[in-house]
Amino acid sequence: MSSLSIGQRQARDITVLDLEGDITIGEGASEVHSAIKRLMEQGKFKILLNLAAVDYLDSDGLGKLIAGYTSLRKEGGELKLLNLTTNVQDVLVITKLVTVFEVFEDEAAAINSF
């Protein structure tokens, strides 16, 4: 699967984005960035990215996650990650970004952390 699909749902005042596919240069990375920007424009500043169905994350995708994280923090919001696949977790560990993002394996715990 090369293209990215994004499902959206609410859990209290937290927006959960269920991502499926790859977050890579071009489509996937831009779609994630646009989704975060759109939510911020709607006044939604608590975002949880469910990455359970994301197999691959490249440097551009990572850049867009960091950009979203930074934009949300500036507005007093938060971006957290849920259900990292092995590949995505490896990328975050190698880049040391696993220390920047709050990462959860349990959705209820993630939601309660906001």
N, C-alpha and C. Protein backbone atom coordinates (compact mmCIF):
# COMPACT_ATOMS: atom_id res chain seq x y z
N MET A 1 0.85 -1.18 0.00
CA MET A 1 0.00 0.00 0.00
C MET A 1 0.89 1.24 0.00
N SER A 2 0.70 2.09 -0.97
CA SER A 2 1.58 3.25 -1.04
C SER A 2 0.86 4.52 -0.62
N SER A 3 -0.43 4.64 -0.90
CA SER A 3 -1.10 5.87 -0.51
C SER A 3 -1.56 5.78 0.94
N LEU A 4 -1.84 6.93 1.50
CA LEU A 4 -2.21 7.01 2.91
C LEU A 4 -3.69 7.34 3.04
N SER A 5 -4.38 6.62 3.91
CA SER A 5 -5.75 7.01 4.22
C SER A 5 -5.80 7.44 5.68
N ILE A 6 -6.63 8.44 5.95
CA ILE A 6 -6.72 9.00 7.29
C ILE A 6 -8.17 8.97 7.75
N GLY A 7 -8.40 8.21 8.82
CA GLY A 7 -9.71 8.20 9.45
C GLY A 7 -9.68 9.13 10.64
N GLN A 8 -10.80 9.76 10.94
CA GLN A 8 -10.84 10.72 12.05
C GLN A 8 -11.98 10.39 12.99
N ARG A 9 -11.71 10.42 14.28
CA ARG A 9 -12.76 10.22 15.28
C ARG A 9 -12.44 11.03 16.52
N GLN A 10 -13.45 11.26 17.32
CA GLN A 10 -13.28 12.04 18.54
C GLN A 10 -13.33 11.13 19.76
N ALA A 11 -12.49 11.39 20.73
CA ALA A 11 -12.54 10.75 22.04
C ALA A 11 -12.48 11.90 23.04
N ARG A 12 -13.61 12.25 23.60
CA ARG A 12 -13.73 13.46 24.41
C ARG A 12 -13.28 14.65 23.57
N ASP A 13 -12.33 15.44 24.06
CA ASP A 13 -11.87 16.60 23.28
C ASP A 13 -10.59 16.30 22.51
N ILE A 14 -10.31 15.02 22.35
CA ILE A 14 -9.11 14.60 21.63
C ILE A 14 -9.52 14.07 20.25
N THR A 15 -8.81 14.51 19.24
CA THR A 15 -9.05 14.00 17.89
C THR A 15 -8.06 12.88 17.63
N VAL A 16 -8.58 11.71 17.28
CA VAL A 16 -7.73 10.57 16.95
C VAL A 16 -7.72 10.43 15.42
N LEU A 17 -6.52 10.45 14.86
CA LEU A 17 -6.37 10.21 13.43
C LEU A 17 -5.82 8.80 13.24
N ASP A 18 -6.60 7.95 12.60
CA ASP A 18 -6.18 6.58 12.30
C ASP A 18 -5.53 6.59 10.92
N LEU A 19 -4.22 6.42 10.90
CA LEU A 19 -3.47 6.47 9.65
C LEU A 19 -3.23 5.06 9.13
N GLU A 20 -3.39 4.90 7.82
CA GLU A 20 -3.17 3.59 7.20
C GLU A 20 -2.42 3.78 5.89
N GLY A 21 -1.24 3.18 5.80
CA GLY A 21 -0.41 3.32 4.61
C GLY A 21 0.97 3.80 4.99
N ASP A 22 1.63 4.48 4.08
CA ASP A 22 2.98 4.97 4.32
C ASP A 22 2.98 6.49 4.44
N ILE A 23 3.83 6.99 5.33
CA ILE A 23 3.99 8.45 5.47
C ILE A 23 5.34 8.77 4.85
N THR A 24 5.29 9.13 3.56
CA THR A 24 6.52 9.33 2.80
C THR A 24 6.46 10.62 2.01
N ILE A 25 7.60 10.97 1.42
CA ILE A 25 7.69 12.20 0.64
C ILE A 25 6.58 12.23 -0.41
N GLY A 26 6.02 13.39 -0.59
CA GLY A 26 4.90 13.51 -1.51
C GLY A 26 3.60 13.35 -0.78
N GLU A 27 2.78 12.44 -1.25
CA GLU A 27 1.42 12.33 -0.76
C GLU A 27 1.25 12.13 0.73
N GLY A 28 1.72 11.03 1.26
CA GLY A 28 1.44 10.67 2.65
C GLY A 28 1.84 11.73 3.65
N ALA A 29 3.06 12.23 3.52
CA ALA A 29 3.56 13.22 4.47
C ALA A 29 2.74 14.50 4.40
N SER A 30 2.44 14.94 3.19
CA SER A 30 1.65 16.16 3.01
C SER A 30 0.24 16.00 3.55
N GLU A 31 -0.34 14.82 3.38
CA GLU A 31 -1.70 14.57 3.87
C GLU A 31 -1.76 14.66 5.39
N VAL A 32 -0.76 14.11 6.07
CA VAL A 32 -0.73 14.17 7.53
C VAL A 32 -0.61 15.63 7.98
N HIS A 33 0.29 16.37 7.33
CA HIS A 33 0.51 17.77 7.68
C HIS A 33 -0.77 18.57 7.46
N SER A 34 -1.44 18.35 6.33
CA SER A 34 -2.69 19.06 6.02
C SER A 34 -3.78 18.73 7.04
N ALA A 35 -3.86 17.47 7.44
CA ALA A 35 -4.88 17.05 8.40
C ALA A 35 -4.66 17.75 9.74
N ILE A 36 -3.41 17.83 10.19
CA ILE A 36 -3.11 18.51 11.46
C ILE A 36 -3.43 19.99 11.35
N LYS A 37 -3.05 20.61 10.24
CA LYS A 37 -3.32 22.04 10.03
C LYS A 37 -4.83 22.31 10.04
N ARG A 38 -5.58 21.45 9.34
CA ARG A 38 -7.03 21.61 9.27
C ARG A 38 -7.66 21.52 10.66
N LEU A 39 -7.20 20.56 11.46
CA LEU A 39 -7.73 20.41 12.82
C LEU A 39 -7.43 21.65 13.66
N MET A 40 -6.23 22.19 13.52
CA MET A 40 -5.88 23.39 14.26
C MET A 40 -6.77 24.56 13.86
N GLU A 41 -7.06 24.66 12.56
CA GLU A 41 -7.95 25.72 12.08
C GLU A 41 -9.35 25.57 12.66
N GLN A 42 -9.73 24.34 12.99
CA GLN A 42 -11.04 24.07 13.60
C GLN A 42 -10.99 24.22 15.12
N GLY A 43 -9.83 24.61 15.65
CA GLY A 43 -9.70 24.79 17.09
C GLY A 43 -9.44 23.51 17.85
N LYS A 44 -8.98 22.48 17.15
CA LYS A 44 -8.68 21.19 17.79
C LYS A 44 -7.18 21.08 17.96
N PHE A 45 -6.74 21.11 19.23
CA PHE A 45 -5.31 21.16 19.51
C PHE A 45 -4.80 19.94 20.28
N LYS A 46 -5.64 18.95 20.47
CA LYS A 46 -5.21 17.70 21.12
C LYS A 46 -5.38 16.59 20.09
N ILE A 47 -4.26 16.13 19.57
CA ILE A 47 -4.30 15.17 18.46
C ILE A 47 -3.48 13.93 18.81
N LEU A 48 -4.10 12.78 18.58
CA LEU A 48 -3.46 11.49 18.78
C LEU A 48 -3.36 10.79 17.43
N LEU A 49 -2.16 10.48 17.01
CA LEU A 49 -1.97 9.77 15.74
C LEU A 49 -1.84 8.28 16.01
N ASN A 50 -2.80 7.51 15.50
CA ASN A 50 -2.76 6.05 15.61
C ASN A 50 -2.00 5.51 14.41
N LEU A 51 -0.81 5.00 14.66
CA LEU A 51 0.08 4.56 13.58
C LEU A 51 0.12 3.03 13.44
N ALA A 52 -0.88 2.36 13.97
CA ALA A 52 -0.90 0.89 13.95
C ALA A 52 -0.82 0.32 12.53
N ALA A 53 -1.34 1.04 11.54
CA ALA A 53 -1.36 0.52 10.16
C ALA A 53 -0.39 1.29 9.26
N VAL A 54 0.61 1.93 9.87
CA VAL A 54 1.63 2.64 9.09
C VAL A 54 2.89 1.78 9.07
N ASP A 55 3.24 1.31 7.87
CA ASP A 55 4.39 0.42 7.74
C ASP A 55 5.70 1.17 7.55
N TYR A 56 5.62 2.35 6.96
CA TYR A 56 6.86 3.03 6.59
C TYR A 56 6.74 4.53 6.80
N LEU A 57 7.79 5.09 7.36
CA LEU A 57 7.88 6.52 7.62
C LEU A 57 9.25 6.97 7.14
N ASP A 58 9.30 7.90 6.16
CA ASP A 58 10.61 8.37 5.70
C ASP A 58 10.95 9.71 6.34
N SER A 59 12.06 10.30 5.95
CA SER A 59 12.52 11.54 6.58
C SER A 59 11.53 12.68 6.34
N ASP A 60 10.90 12.72 5.18
CA ASP A 60 9.92 13.77 4.91
C ASP A 60 8.70 13.59 5.82
N GLY A 61 8.25 12.37 5.96
CA GLY A 61 7.12 12.09 6.85
C GLY A 61 7.45 12.47 8.28
N LEU A 62 8.66 12.14 8.70
CA LEU A 62 9.12 12.49 10.04
C LEU A 62 9.15 14.01 10.21
N GLY A 63 9.63 14.70 9.18
CA GLY A 63 9.67 16.16 9.21
C GLY A 63 8.28 16.76 9.39
N LYS A 64 7.30 16.18 8.71
CA LYS A 64 5.93 16.68 8.81
C LYS A 64 5.35 16.40 10.21
N LEU A 65 5.70 15.26 10.80
CA LEU A 65 5.24 14.98 12.17
C LEU A 65 5.85 16.00 13.14
N ILE A 66 7.12 16.31 12.96
CA ILE A 66 7.78 17.29 13.83
C ILE A 66 7.16 18.67 13.63
N ALA A 67 6.89 19.03 12.38
CA ALA A 67 6.27 20.33 12.09
C ALA A 67 4.90 20.43 12.77
N GLY A 68 4.13 19.36 12.68
CA GLY A 68 2.81 19.34 13.33
C GLY A 68 2.93 19.44 14.84
N TYR A 69 3.88 18.70 15.39
CA TYR A 69 4.14 18.72 16.83
C TYR A 69 4.50 20.14 17.28
N THR A 70 5.42 20.77 16.55
CA THR A 70 5.89 22.11 16.89
C THR A 70 4.76 23.14 16.79
N SER A 71 3.99 23.08 15.70
CA SER A 71 2.86 24.01 15.53
C SER A 71 1.86 23.88 16.66
N LEU A 72 1.54 22.65 17.03
CA LEU A 72 0.57 22.42 18.11
C LEU A 72 1.12 22.93 19.44
N ARG A 73 2.39 22.67 19.72
CA ARG A 73 2.99 23.13 20.98
C ARG A 73 2.95 24.65 21.10
N LYS A 74 3.20 25.34 19.98
CA LYS A 74 3.16 26.81 19.99
C LYS A 74 1.79 27.33 20.38
N GLU A 75 0.75 26.56 20.07
CA GLU A 75 -0.62 26.96 20.37
C GLU A 75 -1.12 26.36 21.68
N GLY A 76 -0.21 25.73 22.42
CA GLY A 76 -0.60 25.11 23.69
C GLY A 76 -1.24 23.75 23.52
N GLY A 77 -1.12 23.18 22.31
CA GLY A 77 -1.71 21.88 22.04
C GLY A 77 -0.70 20.76 22.19
N GLU A 78 -1.14 19.56 21.86
CA GLU A 78 -0.27 18.39 21.98
C GLU A 78 -0.52 17.42 20.83
N LEU A 79 0.56 16.78 20.41
CA LEU A 79 0.50 15.71 19.41
C LEU A 79 1.19 14.50 20.03
N LYS A 80 0.45 13.40 20.12
CA LYS A 80 1.00 12.18 20.71
C LYS A 80 0.83 11.03 19.72
N LEU A 81 1.64 10.00 19.90
CA LEU A 81 1.65 8.88 18.96
C LEU A 81 1.17 7.60 19.65
N LEU A 82 0.44 6.79 18.89
CA LEU A 82 -0.14 5.56 19.41
C LEU A 82 0.19 4.39 18.49
N ASN A 83 0.46 3.24 19.09
CA ASN A 83 0.62 1.98 18.34
C ASN A 83 1.66 2.05 17.23
N LEU A 84 2.91 2.32 17.59
CA LEU A 84 3.96 2.37 16.58
C LEU A 84 4.26 0.97 16.06
N THR A 85 4.38 0.85 14.75
CA THR A 85 4.85 -0.41 14.17
C THR A 85 6.36 -0.49 14.40
N THR A 86 6.93 -1.65 14.21
CA THR A 86 8.36 -1.83 14.43
C THR A 86 9.19 -0.88 13.57
N ASN A 87 8.83 -0.75 12.30
CA ASN A 87 9.60 0.12 11.40
C ASN A 87 9.56 1.57 11.85
N VAL A 88 8.37 2.05 12.22
CA VAL A 88 8.22 3.44 12.65
C VAL A 88 8.97 3.66 13.97
N GLN A 89 8.86 2.71 14.87
CA GLN A 89 9.57 2.82 16.15
C GLN A 89 11.08 2.87 15.91
N ASP A 90 11.58 2.04 15.00
CA ASP A 90 13.01 2.04 14.69
C ASP A 90 13.47 3.41 14.20
N VAL A 91 12.68 4.03 13.33
CA VAL A 91 13.02 5.36 12.80
C VAL A 91 13.08 6.37 13.95
N LEU A 92 12.11 6.33 14.84
CA LEU A 92 12.09 7.28 15.96
C LEU A 92 13.25 7.04 16.93
N VAL A 93 13.63 5.78 17.12
CA VAL A 93 14.75 5.47 18.01
C VAL A 93 16.07 5.93 17.38
N ILE A 94 16.26 5.62 16.11
CA ILE A 94 17.51 5.99 15.42
C ILE A 94 17.69 7.50 15.41
N THR A 95 16.61 8.24 15.20
CA THR A 95 16.68 9.71 15.12
C THR A 95 16.60 10.36 16.50
N LYS A 96 16.46 9.55 17.54
CA LYS A 96 16.32 10.02 18.92
C LYS A 96 15.03 10.81 19.16
N LEU A 97 14.10 10.76 18.21
CA LEU A 97 12.85 11.49 18.35
C LEU A 97 11.86 10.76 19.26
N VAL A 98 12.18 9.53 19.62
CA VAL A 98 11.34 8.79 20.54
C VAL A 98 11.32 9.51 21.90
N THR A 99 12.33 10.36 22.15
CA THR A 99 12.36 11.13 23.39
C THR A 99 11.56 12.42 23.29
N VAL A 100 11.21 12.83 22.07
CA VAL A 100 10.44 14.05 21.86
C VAL A 100 8.94 13.77 21.94
N PHE A 101 8.50 12.77 21.21
CA PHE A 101 7.08 12.43 21.16
C PHE A 101 6.69 11.57 22.35
N GLU A 102 5.49 11.80 22.87
CA GLU A 102 4.94 10.86 23.85
C GLU A 102 4.33 9.73 23.03
N VAL A 103 4.74 8.50 23.36
CA VAL A 103 4.33 7.33 22.59
C VAL A 103 3.57 6.37 23.51
N PHE A 104 2.45 5.85 23.02
CA PHE A 104 1.61 4.95 23.81
C PHE A 104 1.28 3.70 23.01
N GLU A 105 1.05 2.62 23.75
CA GLU A 105 0.58 1.38 23.14
C GLU A 105 -0.87 1.12 23.49
N ASP A 106 -1.38 1.87 24.46
CA ASP A 106 -2.76 1.69 24.93
C ASP A 106 -3.53 2.98 24.67
N GLU A 107 -4.60 2.88 23.87
CA GLU A 107 -5.34 4.08 23.49
C GLU A 107 -5.97 4.79 24.69
N ALA A 108 -6.53 4.03 25.62
CA ALA A 108 -7.15 4.64 26.80
C ALA A 108 -6.11 5.43 27.60
N ALA A 109 -4.94 4.86 27.77
CA ALA A 109 -3.87 5.56 28.50
C ALA A 109 -3.45 6.82 27.76
N ALA A 110 -3.37 6.73 26.45
CA ALA A 110 -2.99 7.89 25.64
C ALA A 110 -4.01 9.01 25.80
N ILE A 111 -5.28 8.67 25.72
CA ILE A 111 -6.35 9.67 25.84
C ILE A 111 -6.34 10.29 27.23
N ASN A 112 -6.13 9.48 28.24
CA ASN A 112 -6.09 10.00 29.61
C ASN A 112 -4.88 10.87 29.89
N SER A 113 -3.86 10.78 29.03
CA SER A 113 -2.62 11.55 29.27
C SER A 113 -2.74 13.01 28.84
N PHE A 114 -3.77 13.34 28.07
CA PHE A 114 -3.92 14.72 27.59
C PHE A 114 -4.37 15.64 28.71
